[in-house]
Amino acid sequence: RPLLAYGAIVLDEIIRKAPPKQVTISASGVREGLLYEQLSSAEQRL
């Protein structure tokens, strides 16, 4: 909870600087990217 306001500040400033169409939440990040990188190119295209 103490970090919520700081995360909100960064999000607000990003949107102010270059308004996107939308903000989409991704549960996939570095961990999933690391696993995805281990796959062959054919597997990645699935």
PDB file of all heavy atoms in Angstrom:
ATOM      1  N   ARG A   1       0.794  -1.232   0.000  1.00  0.00           N
ATOM      2  CA  ARG A   1       0.000   0.000   0.000  1.00  0.00           C
ATOM      3  C   ARG A   1       0.829   1.286   0.000  1.00  0.00           C
ATOM      4  O   ARG A   1       0.473   2.237  -0.688  1.00  0.00           O
ATOM      5  CB  ARG A   1      -0.972  -0.015   1.188  1.00  0.00           C
ATOM      6  CG  ARG A   1      -2.044  -1.078   1.064  1.00  0.00           C
ATOM      7  CD  ARG A   1      -2.899  -1.185   2.320  1.00  0.00           C
ATOM      8  NE  ARG A   1      -3.669  -2.426   2.305  1.00  0.00           N
ATOM      9  CZ  ARG A   1      -4.403  -2.858   3.317  1.00  0.00           C
ATOM     10  NH1 ARG A   1      -4.482  -2.134   4.435  1.00  0.00           N
ATOM     11  NH2 ARG A   1      -5.064  -3.992   3.233  1.00  0.00           N
ATOM     12  N   PRO A   2       1.947   1.364   0.746  1.00  0.00           N
ATOM     13  CA  PRO A   2       2.719   2.620   0.719  1.00  0.00           C
ATOM     14  C   PRO A   2       3.279   2.958  -0.660  1.00  0.00           C
ATOM     15  O   PRO A   2       3.622   4.121  -0.914  1.00  0.00           O
ATOM     16  CB  PRO A   2       3.851   2.350   1.724  1.00  0.00           C
ATOM     17  CG  PRO A   2       3.318   1.294   2.631  1.00  0.00           C
ATOM     18  CD  PRO A   2       2.478   0.422   1.758  1.00  0.00           C
ATOM     19  N   LEU A   3       3.380   1.968  -1.547  1.00  0.00           N
ATOM     20  CA  LEU A   3       3.954   2.200  -2.871  1.00  0.00           C
ATOM     21  C   LEU A   3       2.916   2.625  -3.903  1.00  0.00           C
ATOM     22  O   LEU A   3       3.277   3.043  -5.009  1.00  0.00           O
ATOM     23  CB  LEU A   3       4.658   0.931  -3.364  1.00  0.00           C
ATOM     24  CG  LEU A   3       5.832   0.435  -2.519  1.00  0.00           C
ATOM     25  CD1 LEU A   3       6.367  -0.866  -3.086  1.00  0.00           C
ATOM     26  CD2 LEU A   3       6.933   1.482  -2.451  1.00  0.00           C
ATOM     27  N   LEU A   4       1.623   2.520  -3.551  1.00  0.00           N
ATOM     28  CA  LEU A   4       0.571   2.798  -4.527  1.00  0.00           C
ATOM     29  C   LEU A   4       0.666   4.212  -5.081  1.00  0.00           C
ATOM     30  O   LEU A   4       0.567   4.433  -6.288  1.00  0.00           O
ATOM     31  CB  LEU A   4      -0.801   2.566  -3.899  1.00  0.00           C
ATOM     32  CG  LEU A   4      -1.184   1.119  -3.578  1.00  0.00           C
ATOM     33  CD1 LEU A   4      -2.530   1.071  -2.841  1.00  0.00           C
ATOM     34  CD2 LEU A   4      -1.249   0.285  -4.838  1.00  0.00           C
ATOM     35  N   ALA A   5       0.841   5.190  -4.195  1.00  0.00           N
ATOM     36  CA  ALA A   5       0.871   6.582  -4.640  1.00  0.00           C
ATOM     37  C   ALA A   5       2.059   6.855  -5.548  1.00  0.00           C
ATOM     38  O   ALA A   5       1.950   7.618  -6.521  1.00  0.00           O
ATOM     39  CB  ALA A   5       0.904   7.516  -3.434  1.00  0.00           C
ATOM     40  N   TYR A   6       3.199   6.214  -5.275  1.00  0.00           N
ATOM     41  CA  TYR A   6       4.388   6.425  -6.108  1.00  0.00           C
ATOM     42  C   TYR A   6       4.208   5.789  -7.492  1.00  0.00           C
ATOM     43  O   TYR A   6       4.621   6.362  -8.509  1.00  0.00           O
ATOM     44  CB  TYR A   6       5.632   5.892  -5.399  1.00  0.00           C
ATOM     45  CG  TYR A   6       5.922   6.655  -4.127  1.00  0.00           C
ATOM     46  CD1 TYR A   6       5.427   6.208  -2.896  1.00  0.00           C
ATOM     47  CD2 TYR A   6       6.646   7.839  -4.161  1.00  0.00           C
ATOM     48  CE1 TYR A   6       5.659   6.926  -1.736  1.00  0.00           C
ATOM     49  CE2 TYR A   6       6.889   8.560  -3.001  1.00  0.00           C
ATOM     50  CZ  TYR A   6       6.384   8.102  -1.788  1.00  0.00           C
ATOM     51  OH  TYR A   6       6.616   8.822  -0.640  1.00  0.00           O
ATOM     52  N   GLY A   7       3.578   4.615  -7.517  1.00  0.00           N
ATOM     53  CA  GLY A   7       3.261   4.002  -8.805  1.00  0.00           C
ATOM     54  C   GLY A   7       2.271   4.842  -9.585  1.00  0.00           C
ATOM     55  O   GLY A   7       2.363   4.978 -10.819  1.00  0.00           O
ATOM     56  N   ALA A   8       1.308   5.437  -8.869  1.00  0.00           N
ATOM     57  CA  ALA A   8       0.306   6.294  -9.514  1.00  0.00           C
ATOM     58  C   ALA A   8       0.960   7.540 -10.097  1.00  0.00           C
ATOM     59  O   ALA A   8       0.594   8.002 -11.186  1.00  0.00           O
ATOM     60  CB  ALA A   8      -0.779   6.679  -8.510  1.00  0.00           C
ATOM     61  N   ILE A   9       1.937   8.107  -9.388  1.00  0.00           N
ATOM     62  CA  ILE A   9       2.636   9.301  -9.879  1.00  0.00           C
ATOM     63  C   ILE A   9       3.347   9.006 -11.193  1.00  0.00           C
ATOM     64  O   ILE A   9       3.242   9.767 -12.165  1.00  0.00           O
ATOM     65  CB  ILE A   9       3.645   9.790  -8.819  1.00  0.00           C
ATOM     66  CG1 ILE A   9       2.903  10.478  -7.672  1.00  0.00           C
ATOM     67  CG2 ILE A   9       4.686  10.728  -9.434  1.00  0.00           C
ATOM     68  CD1 ILE A   9       3.784  10.798  -6.480  1.00  0.00           C
ATOM     69  N   VAL A  10       4.063   7.884 -11.251  1.00  0.00           N
ATOM     70  CA  VAL A  10       4.798   7.539 -12.473  1.00  0.00           C
ATOM     71  C   VAL A  10       3.828   7.298 -13.628  1.00  0.00           C
ATOM     72  O   VAL A  10       4.046   7.768 -14.750  1.00  0.00           O
ATOM     73  CB  VAL A  10       5.691   6.306 -12.231  1.00  0.00           C
ATOM     74  CG1 VAL A  10       6.370   5.883 -13.538  1.00  0.00           C
ATOM     75  CG2 VAL A  10       6.738   6.596 -11.163  1.00  0.00           C
ATOM     76  N   LEU A  11       2.742   6.582 -13.363  1.00  0.00           N
ATOM     77  CA  LEU A  11       1.749   6.327 -14.408  1.00  0.00           C
ATOM     78  C   LEU A  11       1.146   7.628 -14.913  1.00  0.00           C
ATOM     79  O   LEU A  11       1.009   7.847 -16.129  1.00  0.00           O
ATOM     80  CB  LEU A  11       0.653   5.414 -13.857  1.00  0.00           C
ATOM     81  CG  LEU A  11      -0.483   5.056 -14.827  1.00  0.00           C
ATOM     82  CD1 LEU A  11       0.056   4.313 -16.039  1.00  0.00           C
ATOM     83  CD2 LEU A  11      -1.550   4.211 -14.119  1.00  0.00           C
ATOM     84  N   ASP A  12       0.797   8.505 -13.995  1.00  0.00           N
ATOM     85  CA  ASP A  12       0.185   9.787 -14.355  1.00  0.00           C
ATOM     86  C   ASP A  12       1.136  10.612 -15.215  1.00  0.00           C
ATOM     87  O   ASP A  12       0.732  11.214 -16.225  1.00  0.00           O
ATOM     88  CB  ASP A  12      -0.182  10.544 -13.078  1.00  0.00           C
ATOM     89  CG  ASP A  12      -1.117  11.716 -13.333  1.00  0.00           C
ATOM     90  OD1 ASP A  12      -1.711  11.784 -14.432  1.00  0.00           O
ATOM     91  OD2 ASP A  12      -1.276  12.560 -12.440  1.00  0.00           O
ATOM     92  N   GLU A  13       2.403  10.643 -14.853  1.00  0.00           N
ATOM     93  CA  GLU A  13       3.379  11.437 -15.605  1.00  0.00           C
ATOM     94  C   GLU A  13       3.609  10.863 -16.998  1.00  0.00           C
ATOM     95  O   GLU A  13       3.789  11.615 -17.967  1.00  0.00           O
ATOM     96  CB  GLU A  13       4.702  11.518 -14.833  1.00  0.00           C
ATOM     97  CG  GLU A  13       4.634  12.342 -13.563  1.00  0.00           C
ATOM     98  CD  GLU A  13       4.247  13.803 -13.814  1.00  0.00           C
ATOM     99  OE1 GLU A  13       4.534  14.327 -14.918  1.00  0.00           O
ATOM    100  OE2 GLU A  13       3.658  14.419 -12.908  1.00  0.00           O
ATOM    101  N   ILE A  14       3.616   9.547 -17.130  1.00  0.00           N
ATOM    102  CA  ILE A  14       3.779   8.934 -18.453  1.00  0.00           C
ATOM    103  C   ILE A  14       2.611   9.321 -19.356  1.00  0.00           C
ATOM    104  O   ILE A  14       2.788   9.709 -20.517  1.00  0.00           O
ATOM    105  CB  ILE A  14       3.880   7.398 -18.334  1.00  0.00           C
ATOM    106  CG1 ILE A  14       5.208   7.002 -17.701  1.00  0.00           C
ATOM    107  CG2 ILE A  14       3.744   6.747 -19.715  1.00  0.00           C
ATOM    108  CD1 ILE A  14       5.348   5.511 -17.440  1.00  0.00           C
ATOM    109  N   ILE A  15       1.402   9.231 -18.817  1.00  0.00           N
ATOM    110  CA  ILE A  15       0.207   9.547 -19.607  1.00  0.00           C
ATOM    111  C   ILE A  15       0.192  11.021 -19.984  1.00  0.00           C
ATOM    112  O   ILE A  15      -0.200  11.390 -21.102  1.00  0.00           O
ATOM    113  CB  ILE A  15      -1.064   9.152 -18.835  1.00  0.00           C
ATOM    114  CG1 ILE A  15      -1.134   7.624 -18.652  1.00  0.00           C
ATOM    115  CG2 ILE A  15      -2.319   9.644 -19.550  1.00  0.00           C
ATOM    116  CD1 ILE A  15      -2.259   7.146 -17.767  1.00  0.00           C
ATOM    117  N   ARG A  16       0.630  11.878 -19.076  1.00  0.00           N
ATOM    118  CA  ARG A  16       0.681  13.315 -19.376  1.00  0.00           C
ATOM    119  C   ARG A  16       1.661  13.611 -20.514  1.00  0.00           C
ATOM    120  O   ARG A  16       1.396  14.439 -21.380  1.00  0.00           O
ATOM    121  CB  ARG A  16       1.117  14.102 -18.139  1.00  0.00           C
ATOM    122  CG  ARG A  16       0.072  14.237 -17.048  1.00  0.00           C
ATOM    123  CD  ARG A  16       0.696  14.922 -15.840  1.00  0.00           C
ATOM    124  NE  ARG A  16      -0.221  14.961 -14.711  1.00  0.00           N
ATOM    125  CZ  ARG A  16      -1.111  15.921 -14.497  1.00  0.00           C
ATOM    126  NH1 ARG A  16      -1.191  16.926 -15.366  1.00  0.00           N
ATOM    127  NH2 ARG A  16      -1.898  15.896 -13.449  1.00  0.00           N
ATOM    128  N   LYS A  17       2.800  12.933 -20.486  1.00  0.00           N
ATOM    129  CA  LYS A  17       3.854  13.219 -21.458  1.00  0.00           C
ATOM    130  C   LYS A  17       3.476  12.742 -22.855  1.00  0.00           C
ATOM    131  O   LYS A  17       3.730  13.433 -23.849  1.00  0.00           O
ATOM    132  CB  LYS A  17       5.168  12.565 -21.021  1.00  0.00           C
ATOM    133  CG  LYS A  17       6.320  12.845 -21.976  1.00  0.00           C
ATOM    134  CD  LYS A  17       7.634  12.376 -21.415  1.00  0.00           C
ATOM    135  CE  LYS A  17       8.767  12.552 -22.426  1.00  0.00           C
ATOM    136  NZ  LYS A  17       8.928  13.960 -22.854  1.00  0.00           N
ATOM    137  N   ALA A  18       2.871  11.570 -22.953  1.00  0.00           N
ATOM    138  CA  ALA A  18       2.523  11.005 -24.270  1.00  0.00           C
ATOM    139  C   ALA A  18       1.267  10.161 -24.109  1.00  0.00           C
ATOM    140  O   ALA A  18       1.352   8.950 -23.901  1.00  0.00           O
ATOM    141  CB  ALA A  18       3.670  10.156 -24.809  1.00  0.00           C
ATOM    142  N   PRO A  19       0.092  10.773 -24.176  1.00  0.00           N
ATOM    143  CA  PRO A  19      -1.154  10.040 -23.908  1.00  0.00           C
ATOM    144  C   PRO A  19      -1.325   8.815 -24.799  1.00  0.00           C
ATOM    145  O   PRO A  19      -1.396   8.938 -26.029  1.00  0.00           O
ATOM    146  CB  PRO A  19      -2.242  11.084 -24.207  1.00  0.00           C
ATOM    147  CG  PRO A  19      -1.564  12.403 -24.072  1.00  0.00           C
ATOM    148  CD  PRO A  19      -0.155  12.188 -24.522  1.00  0.00           C
ATOM    149  N   PRO A  20      -1.377   7.644 -24.194  1.00  0.00           N
ATOM    150  CA  PRO A  20      -1.640   6.441 -24.978  1.00  0.00           C
ATOM    151  C   PRO A  20      -3.136   6.287 -25.232  1.00  0.00           C
ATOM    152  O   PRO A  20      -3.948   7.058 -24.690  1.00  0.00           O
ATOM    153  CB  PRO A  20      -1.136   5.320 -24.062  1.00  0.00           C
ATOM    154  CG  PRO A  20      -1.369   5.851 -22.678  1.00  0.00           C
ATOM    155  CD  PRO A  20      -1.171   7.342 -22.773  1.00  0.00           C
ATOM    156  N   LYS A  21      -3.493   5.324 -26.040  1.00  0.00           N
ATOM    157  CA  LYS A  21      -4.909   5.019 -26.255  1.00  0.00           C
ATOM    158  C   LYS A  21      -5.489   4.369 -25.006  1.00  0.00           C
ATOM    159  O   LYS A  21      -6.612   4.667 -24.586  1.00  0.00           O
ATOM    160  CB  LYS A  21      -5.073   4.080 -27.453  1.00  0.00           C
ATOM    161  CG  LYS A  21      -6.498   3.630 -27.715  1.00  0.00           C
ATOM    162  CD  LYS A  21      -6.561   2.656 -28.879  1.00  0.00           C
ATOM    163  CE  LYS A  21      -7.976   2.157 -29.114  1.00  0.00           C
ATOM    164  NZ  LYS A  21      -8.045   1.162 -30.216  1.00  0.00           N
ATOM    165  N   GLN A  22      -4.709   3.491 -24.399  1.00  0.00           N
ATOM    166  CA  GLN A  22      -5.183   2.742 -23.242  1.00  0.00           C
ATOM    167  C   GLN A  22      -4.005   2.215 -22.447  1.00  0.00           C
ATOM    168  O   GLN A  22      -2.879   2.158 -22.942  1.00  0.00           O
ATOM    169  CB  GLN A  22      -6.057   1.561 -23.697  1.00  0.00           C
ATOM    170  CG  GLN A  22      -5.309   0.563 -24.578  1.00  0.00           C
ATOM    171  CD  GLN A  22      -6.198  -0.450 -25.241  1.00  0.00           C
ATOM    172  OE1 GLN A  22      -7.416  -0.410 -25.113  1.00  0.00           O
ATOM    173  NE2 GLN A  22      -5.615  -1.390 -25.968  1.00  0.00           N
ATOM    174  N   VAL A  23      -4.281   1.852 -21.211  1.00  0.00           N
ATOM    175  CA  VAL A  23      -3.307   1.169 -20.366  1.00  0.00           C
ATOM    176  C   VAL A  23      -3.782  -0.271 -20.216  1.00  0.00           C
ATOM    177  O   VAL A  23      -4.914  -0.515 -19.803  1.00  0.00           O
ATOM    178  CB  VAL A  23      -3.193   1.844 -18.982  1.00  0.00           C
ATOM    179  CG1 VAL A  23      -2.227   1.065 -18.090  1.00  0.00           C
ATOM    180  CG2 VAL A  23      -2.756   3.291 -19.125  1.00  0.00           C
ATOM    181  N   THR A  24      -2.926  -1.214 -20.562  1.00  0.00           N
ATOM    182  CA  THR A  24      -3.266  -2.633 -20.493  1.00  0.00           C
ATOM    183  C   THR A  24      -2.344  -3.320 -19.505  1.00  0.00           C
ATOM    184  O   THR A  24      -1.117  -3.206 -19.605  1.00  0.00           O
ATOM    185  CB  THR A  24      -3.136  -3.298 -21.875  1.00  0.00           C
ATOM    186  OG1 THR A  24      -4.064  -2.689 -22.776  1.00  0.00           O
ATOM    187  CG2 THR A  24      -3.431  -4.790 -21.790  1.00  0.00           C
ATOM    188  N   ILE A  25      -2.927  -4.019 -18.562  1.00  0.00           N
ATOM    189  CA  ILE A  25      -2.148  -4.701 -17.530  1.00  0.00           C
ATOM    190  C   ILE A  25      -1.615  -6.017 -18.071  1.00  0.00           C
ATOM    191  O   ILE A  25      -2.361  -6.809 -18.660  1.00  0.00           O
ATOM    192  CB  ILE A  25      -3.002  -4.962 -16.279  1.00  0.00           C
ATOM    193  CG1 ILE A  25      -3.564  -3.650 -15.724  1.00  0.00           C
ATOM    194  CG2 ILE A  25      -2.184  -5.686 -15.218  1.00  0.00           C
ATOM    195  CD1 ILE A  25      -2.515  -2.638 -15.324  1.00  0.00           C
ATOM    196  N   SER A  26      -0.341  -6.245 -17.866  1.00  0.00           N
ATOM    197  CA  SER A  26       0.283  -7.509 -18.277  1.00  0.00           C
ATOM    198  C   SER A  26       0.788  -8.252 -17.046  1.00  0.00           C
ATOM    199  O   SER A  26       1.580  -7.721 -16.272  1.00  0.00           O
ATOM    200  CB  SER A  26       1.456  -7.247 -19.232  1.00  0.00           C
ATOM    201  OG  SER A  26       2.137  -8.458 -19.509  1.00  0.00           O
ATOM    202  N   ALA A  27       0.324  -9.484 -16.905  1.00  0.00           N
ATOM    203  CA  ALA A  27       0.848 -10.352 -15.845  1.00  0.00           C
ATOM    204  C   ALA A  27       2.118 -11.051 -16.307  1.00  0.00           C
ATOM    205  O   ALA A  27       2.779 -11.728 -15.524  1.00  0.00           O
ATOM    206  CB  ALA A  27      -0.207 -11.380 -15.436  1.00  0.00           C
ATOM    207  N   SER A  28       2.434 -10.906 -17.582  1.00  0.00           N
ATOM    208  CA  SER A  28       3.653 -11.493 -18.141  1.00  0.00           C
ATOM    209  C   SER A  28       4.733 -10.428 -18.193  1.00  0.00           C
ATOM    210  O   SER A  28       4.517  -9.348 -18.746  1.00  0.00           O
ATOM    211  CB  SER A  28       3.383 -12.017 -19.558  1.00  0.00           C
ATOM    212  OG  SER A  28       2.382 -13.014 -19.558  1.00  0.00           O
ATOM    213  N   GLY A  29       5.874 -10.757 -17.621  1.00  0.00           N
ATOM    214  CA  GLY A  29       6.963  -9.795 -17.588  1.00  0.00           C
ATOM    215  C   GLY A  29       8.297 -10.483 -17.754  1.00  0.00           C
ATOM    216  O   GLY A  29       8.453 -11.372 -18.594  1.00  0.00           O
ATOM    217  N   VAL A  30       9.260 -10.095 -16.935  1.00  0.00           N
ATOM    218  CA  VAL A  30      10.626 -10.606 -17.083  1.00  0.00           C
ATOM    219  C   VAL A  30      10.672 -12.122 -16.953  1.00  0.00           C
ATOM    220  O   VAL A  30      11.355 -12.805 -17.736  1.00  0.00           O
ATOM    221  CB  VAL A  30      11.557  -9.944 -16.041  1.00  0.00           C
ATOM    222  CG1 VAL A  30      12.950 -10.566 -16.095  1.00  0.00           C
ATOM    223  CG2 VAL A  30      11.647  -8.446 -16.302  1.00  0.00           C
ATOM    224  N   ARG A  31       9.965 -12.672 -15.978  1.00  0.00           N
ATOM    225  CA  ARG A  31      10.019 -14.127 -15.774  1.00  0.00           C
ATOM    226  C   ARG A  31       9.534 -14.879 -17.004  1.00  0.00           C
ATOM    227  O   ARG A  31      10.179 -15.822 -17.482  1.00  0.00           O
ATOM    228  CB  ARG A  31       9.173 -14.510 -14.552  1.00  0.00           C
ATOM    229  CG  ARG A  31       9.699 -13.969 -13.239  1.00  0.00           C
ATOM    230  CD  ARG A  31       8.906 -14.489 -12.056  1.00  0.00           C
ATOM    231  NE  ARG A  31       7.532 -14.007 -12.030  1.00  0.00           N
ATOM    232  CZ  ARG A  31       7.140 -12.875 -11.451  1.00  0.00           C
ATOM    233  NH1 ARG A  31       8.044 -12.099 -10.867  1.00  0.00           N
ATOM    234  NH2 ARG A  31       5.882 -12.517 -11.442  1.00  0.00           N
ATOM    235  N   GLU A  32       8.373 -14.462 -17.503  1.00  0.00           N
ATOM    236  CA  GLU A  32       7.816 -15.136 -18.678  1.00  0.00           C
ATOM    237  C   GLU A  32       8.662 -14.868 -19.924  1.00  0.00           C
ATOM    238  O   GLU A  32       8.792 -15.734 -20.800  1.00  0.00           O
ATOM    239  CB  GLU A  32       6.380 -14.675 -18.908  1.00  0.00           C
ATOM    240  CG  GLU A  32       5.391 -15.159 -17.853  1.00  0.00           C
ATOM    241  CD  GLU A  32       5.544 -14.470 -16.506  1.00  0.00           C
ATOM    242  OE1 GLU A  32       6.097 -13.343 -16.464  1.00  0.00           O
ATOM    243  OE2 GLU A  32       5.123 -15.049 -15.479  1.00  0.00           O
ATOM    244  N   GLY A  33       9.245 -13.664 -19.995  1.00  0.00           N
ATOM    245  CA  GLY A  33      10.122 -13.361 -21.122  1.00  0.00           C
ATOM    246  C   GLY A  33      11.355 -14.238 -21.141  1.00  0.00           C
ATOM    247  O   GLY A  33      11.828 -14.663 -22.209  1.00  0.00           O
ATOM    248  N   LEU A  34      11.882 -14.525 -19.970  1.00  0.00           N
ATOM    249  CA  LEU A  34      13.053 -15.398 -19.870  1.00  0.00           C
ATOM    250  C   LEU A  34      12.730 -16.802 -20.385  1.00  0.00           C
ATOM    251  O   LEU A  34      13.521 -17.411 -21.117  1.00  0.00           O
ATOM    252  CB  LEU A  34      13.510 -15.451 -18.413  1.00  0.00           C
ATOM    253  CG  LEU A  34      14.754 -16.285 -18.100  1.00  0.00           C
ATOM    254  CD1 LEU A  34      15.971 -15.743 -18.839  1.00  0.00           C
ATOM    255  CD2 LEU A  34      15.029 -16.299 -16.604  1.00  0.00           C
ATOM    256  N   LEU A  35      11.560 -17.322 -20.023  1.00  0.00           N
ATOM    257  CA  LEU A  35      11.158 -18.651 -20.507  1.00  0.00           C
ATOM    258  C   LEU A  35      10.889 -18.627 -22.009  1.00  0.00           C
ATOM    259  O   LEU A  35      11.277 -19.552 -22.738  1.00  0.00           O
ATOM    260  CB  LEU A  35       9.917 -19.132 -19.757  1.00  0.00           C
ATOM    261  CG  LEU A  35      10.072 -19.357 -18.251  1.00  0.00           C
ATOM    262  CD1 LEU A  35       8.782 -19.902 -17.654  1.00  0.00           C
ATOM    263  CD2 LEU A  35      11.232 -20.304 -17.953  1.00  0.00           C
ATOM    264  N   TYR A  36      10.217 -17.583 -22.466  1.00  0.00           N
ATOM    265  CA  TYR A  36       9.914 -17.458 -23.894  1.00  0.00           C
ATOM    266  C   TYR A  36      11.195 -17.444 -24.721  1.00  0.00           C
ATOM    267  O   TYR A  36      11.262 -18.020 -25.813  1.00  0.00           O
ATOM    268  CB  TYR A  36       9.118 -16.174 -24.101  1.00  0.00           C
ATOM    269  CG  TYR A  36       8.773 -15.826 -25.530  1.00  0.00           C
ATOM    270  CD1 TYR A  36       7.719 -16.455 -26.189  1.00  0.00           C
ATOM    271  CD2 TYR A  36       9.491 -14.833 -26.209  1.00  0.00           C
ATOM    272  CE1 TYR A  36       7.391 -16.109 -27.499  1.00  0.00           C
ATOM    273  CE2 TYR A  36       9.161 -14.488 -27.505  1.00  0.00           C
ATOM    274  CZ  TYR A  36       8.109 -15.128 -28.141  1.00  0.00           C
ATOM    275  OH  TYR A  36       7.793 -14.783 -29.430  1.00  0.00           O
ATOM    276  N   GLU A  37      12.225 -16.824 -24.187  1.00  0.00           N
ATOM    277  CA  GLU A  37      13.502 -16.723 -24.893  1.00  0.00           C
ATOM    278  C   GLU A  37      14.152 -18.098 -25.078  1.00  0.00           C
ATOM    279  O   GLU A  37      14.949 -18.291 -26.011  1.00  0.00           O
ATOM    280  CB  GLU A  37      14.435 -15.794 -24.112  1.00  0.00           C
ATOM    281  CG  GLU A  37      15.696 -15.421 -24.843  1.00  0.00           C
ATOM    282  CD  GLU A  37      16.556 -14.475 -24.031  1.00  0.00           C
ATOM    283  OE1 GLU A  37      16.823 -14.781 -22.844  1.00  0.00           O
ATOM    284  OE2 GLU A  37      16.950 -13.427 -24.564  1.00  0.00           O
ATOM    285  N   GLN A  38      13.828 -19.047 -24.207  1.00  0.00           N
ATOM    286  CA  GLN A  38      14.436 -20.384 -24.305  1.00  0.00           C
ATOM    287  C   GLN A  38      13.833 -21.222 -25.432  1.00  0.00           C
ATOM    288  O   GLN A  38      14.407 -22.237 -25.827  1.00  0.00           O
ATOM    289  CB  GLN A  38      14.259 -21.153 -22.976  1.00  0.00           C
ATOM    290  CG  GLN A  38      14.657 -20.400 -21.722  1.00  0.00           C
ATOM    291  CD  GLN A  38      16.043 -19.806 -21.794  1.00  0.00           C
ATOM    292  OE1 GLN A  38      17.003 -20.483 -22.148  1.00  0.00           O
ATOM    293  NE2 GLN A  38      16.153 -18.529 -21.444  1.00  0.00           N
ATOM    294  N   LEU A  39      12.669 -20.827 -25.929  1.00  0.00           N
ATOM    295  CA  LEU A  39      11.991 -21.602 -26.958  1.00  0.00           C
ATOM    296  C   LEU A  39      12.653 -21.397 -28.311  1.00  0.00           C
ATOM    297  O   LEU A  39      13.297 -20.382 -28.569  1.00  0.00           O
ATOM    298  CB  LEU A  39      10.520 -21.195 -27.054  1.00  0.00           C
ATOM    299  CG  LEU A  39       9.678 -21.329 -25.787  1.00  0.00           C
ATOM    300  CD1 LEU A  39       8.271 -20.784 -26.038  1.00  0.00           C
ATOM    301  CD2 LEU A  39       9.617 -22.778 -25.321  1.00  0.00           C
ATOM    302  N   SER A  40      12.457 -22.366 -29.203  1.00  0.00           N
ATOM    303  CA  SER A  40      12.923 -22.211 -30.578  1.00  0.00           C
ATOM    304  C   SER A  40      12.060 -21.166 -31.280  1.00  0.00           C
ATOM    305  O   SER A  40      10.965 -20.825 -30.813  1.00  0.00           O
ATOM    306  CB  SER A  40      12.833 -23.536 -31.327  1.00  0.00           C
ATOM    307  OG  SER A  40      11.471 -23.894 -31.522  1.00  0.00           O
ATOM    308  N   SER A  41      12.525 -20.671 -32.411  1.00  0.00           N
ATOM    309  CA  SER A  41      11.747 -19.675 -33.146  1.00  0.00           C
ATOM    310  C   SER A  41      10.410 -20.248 -33.593  1.00  0.00           C
ATOM    311  O   SER A  41       9.393 -19.541 -33.612  1.00  0.00           O
ATOM    312  CB  SER A  41      12.538 -19.160 -34.348  1.00  0.00           C
ATOM    313  OG  SER A  41      12.897 -20.229 -35.219  1.00  0.00           O
ATOM    314  N   ALA A  42      10.382 -21.531 -33.950  1.00  0.00           N
ATOM    315  CA  ALA A  42       9.122 -22.163 -34.351  1.00  0.00           C
ATOM    316  C   ALA A  42       8.150 -22.226 -33.177  1.00  0.00           C
ATOM    317  O   ALA A  42       6.948 -21.977 -33.337  1.00  0.00           O
ATOM    318  CB  ALA A  42       9.387 -23.570 -34.893  1.00  0.00           C
ATOM    319  N   GLU A  43       8.672 -22.523 -31.998  1.00  0.00           N
ATOM    320  CA  GLU A  43       7.823 -22.584 -30.805  1.00  0.00           C
ATOM    321  C   GLU A  43       7.322 -21.200 -30.422  1.00  0.00           C
ATOM    322  O   GLU A  43       6.175 -21.033 -30.013  1.00  0.00           O
ATOM    323  CB  GLU A  43       8.612 -23.210 -29.642  1.00  0.00           C
ATOM    324  CG  GLU A  43       8.913 -24.685 -29.857  1.00  0.00           C
ATOM    325  CD  GLU A  43       9.968 -25.205 -28.888  1.00  0.00           C
ATOM    326  OE1 GLU A  43      10.650 -24.386 -28.240  1.00  0.00           O
ATOM    327  OE2 GLU A  43      10.117 -26.436 -28.803  1.00  0.00           O
ATOM    328  N   GLN A  44       8.161 -20.194 -30.581  1.00  0.00           N
ATOM    329  CA  GLN A  44       7.753 -18.827 -30.255  1.00  0.00           C
ATOM    330  C   GLN A  44       6.618 -18.348 -31.157  1.00  0.00           C
ATOM    331  O   GLN A  44       5.794 -17.535 -30.735  1.00  0.00           O
ATOM    332  CB  GLN A  44       8.943 -17.877 -30.374  1.00  0.00           C
ATOM    333  CG  GLN A  44       9.983 -18.055 -29.285  1.00  0.00           C
ATOM    334  CD  GLN A  44      11.171 -17.138 -29.466  1.00  0.00           C
ATOM    335  OE1 GLN A  44      11.297 -16.441 -30.476  1.00  0.00           O
ATOM    336  NE2 GLN A  44      12.085 -17.119 -28.496  1.00  0.00           N
ATOM    337  N   ARG A  45       6.571 -18.845 -32.378  1.00  0.00           N
ATOM    338  CA  ARG A  45       5.534 -18.408 -33.322  1.00  0.00           C
ATOM    339  C   ARG A  45       4.170 -19.027 -33.034  1.00  0.00           C
ATOM    340  O   ARG A  45       3.163 -18.608 -33.612  1.00  0.00           O
ATOM    341  CB  ARG A  45       5.952 -18.729 -34.758  1.00  0.00           C
ATOM    342  CG  ARG A  45       7.067 -17.820 -35.282  1.00  0.00           C
ATOM    343  CD  ARG A  45       7.203 -17.954 -36.788  1.00  0.00           C
ATOM    344  NE  ARG A  45       7.590 -19.292 -37.197  1.00  0.00           N
ATOM    345  CZ  ARG A  45       8.855 -19.701 -37.324  1.00  0.00           C
ATOM    346  NH1 ARG A  45       9.849 -18.863 -37.072  1.00  0.00           N
ATOM    347  NH2 ARG A  45       9.127 -20.926 -37.703  1.00  0.00           N
ATOM    348  N   LEU A  46       4.119 -20.015 -32.165  1.00  0.00           N
ATOM    349  CA  LEU A  46       2.829 -20.623 -31.833  1.00  0.00           C
ATOM    350  C   LEU A  46       1.916 -19.606 -31.153  1.00  0.00           C
ATOM    351  O   LEU A  46       2.369 -18.712 -30.451  1.00  0.00           O
ATOM    352  CB  LEU A  46       3.022 -21.824 -30.904  1.00  0.00           C
ATOM    353  CG  LEU A  46       3.810 -23.011 -31.464  1.00  0.00           C
ATOM    354  CD1 LEU A  46       3.974 -24.079 -30.398  1.00  0.00           C
ATOM    355  CD2 LEU A  46       3.133 -23.592 -32.695  1.00  0.00           C
TER     356      LEU A  46
END
